Amino acid sequence: MRDLIWLIVVLLVIGWLVGYFAFPDLGSIIHILIVVAVILILYKLLTGRRM
């Protein structure tokens, strides 16, 4: 399960970078999604819940 989460994080980062340089309008949407994902991961790490 942990490998799946890291795969999703890596795909979001790559998608964000591609979106930022290729499609500036879509890059902001992907940026918002990645910020939400990072916040959720930090919350789960701080609360000690299993992913």
C-alpha atoms as a PDB file:
ATOM      1  CA  MET A   1       0.000   0.000   0.000  1.00  0.00           C
ATOM      2  CA  ARG A   2       2.861   2.344   0.790  1.00  0.00           C
ATOM      3  CA  ASP A   3       4.390   1.806  -2.663  1.00  0.00           C
ATOM      4  CA  LEU A   4       1.073   2.704  -4.232  1.00  0.00           C
ATOM      5  CA  ILE A   5       0.924   5.999  -2.336  1.00  0.00           C
ATOM      6  CA  TRP A   6       4.465   6.910  -3.406  1.00  0.00           C
ATOM      7  CA  LEU A   7       3.574   6.024  -6.999  1.00  0.00           C
ATOM      8  CA  ILE A   8       0.592   8.375  -6.834  1.00  0.00           C
ATOM      9  CA  VAL A   9       2.760  11.136  -5.335  1.00  0.00           C
ATOM     10  CA  VAL A  10       5.380  10.743  -8.068  1.00  0.00           C
ATOM     11  CA  LEU A  11       2.737  10.742 -10.799  1.00  0.00           C
ATOM     12  CA  LEU A  12       1.164  13.892  -9.363  1.00  0.00           C
ATOM     13  CA  VAL A  13       4.530  15.660  -9.255  1.00  0.00           C
ATOM     14  CA  ILE A  14       5.323  14.667 -12.845  1.00  0.00           C
ATOM     15  CA  GLY A  15       1.832  15.681 -13.951  1.00  0.00           C
ATOM     16  CA  TRP A  16       2.190  18.982 -12.151  1.00  0.00           C
ATOM     17  CA  LEU A  17       5.519  19.729 -13.825  1.00  0.00           C
ATOM     18  CA  VAL A  18       4.207  18.798 -17.272  1.00  0.00           C
ATOM     19  CA  GLY A  19       1.056  20.797 -16.691  1.00  0.00           C
ATOM     20  CA  TYR A  20       2.990  23.780 -15.409  1.00  0.00           C
ATOM     21  CA  PHE A  21       5.218  24.017 -18.468  1.00  0.00           C
ATOM     22  CA  ALA A  22       2.913  22.704 -21.213  1.00  0.00           C
ATOM     23  CA  PHE A  23      -0.495  23.958 -20.048  1.00  0.00           C
ATOM     24  CA  PRO A  24      -0.205  26.848 -17.572  1.00  0.00           C
ATOM     25  CA  ASP A  25      -3.971  26.904 -16.910  1.00  0.00           C
ATOM     26  CA  LEU A  26      -4.109  23.207 -16.006  1.00  0.00           C
ATOM     27  CA  GLY A  27      -0.907  23.447 -13.991  1.00  0.00           C
ATOM     28  CA  SER A  28      -2.674  25.492 -11.346  1.00  0.00           C
ATOM     29  CA  ILE A  29      -5.373  22.838 -10.935  1.00  0.00           C
ATOM     30  CA  ILE A  30      -2.778  20.096 -10.575  1.00  0.00           C
ATOM     31  CA  HIS A  31      -0.851  22.337  -8.159  1.00  0.00           C
ATOM     32  CA  ILE A  32      -3.915  22.606  -5.926  1.00  0.00           C
ATOM     33  CA  LEU A  33      -4.340  18.820  -6.006  1.00  0.00           C
ATOM     34  CA  ILE A  34      -0.719  18.208  -5.068  1.00  0.00           C
ATOM     35  CA  VAL A  35      -0.923  20.675  -2.180  1.00  0.00           C
ATOM     36  CA  VAL A  36      -4.014  18.869  -0.883  1.00  0.00           C
ATOM     37  CA  ALA A  37      -2.231  15.503  -1.236  1.00  0.00           C
ATOM     38  CA  VAL A  38       0.808  16.752   0.696  1.00  0.00           C
ATOM     39  CA  ILE A  39      -1.390  18.158   3.455  1.00  0.00           C
ATOM     40  CA  LEU A  40      -3.243  14.840   3.766  1.00  0.00           C
ATOM     41  CA  ILE A  41      -0.003  12.848   3.868  1.00  0.00           C
ATOM     42  CA  LEU A  42       1.439  15.131   6.554  1.00  0.00           C
ATOM     43  CA  TYR A  43      -1.778  14.867   8.561  1.00  0.00           C
ATOM     44  CA  LYS A  44      -1.700  11.082   8.421  1.00  0.00           C
ATOM     45  CA  LEU A  45       1.982  11.004   9.378  1.00  0.00           C
ATOM     46  CA  LEU A  46       1.455  13.363  12.325  1.00  0.00           C
ATOM     47  CA  THR A  47      -1.625  11.594  13.644  1.00  0.00           C
ATOM     48  CA  GLY A  48       0.031   8.183  13.320  1.00  0.00           C
ATOM     49  CA  ARG A  49      -2.722   6.613  11.272  1.00  0.00           C
ATOM     50  CA  ARG A  50      -1.759   3.883   8.874  1.00  0.00           C
ATOM     51  CA  MET A  51      -2.116   4.577   5.182  1.00  0.00           C
END
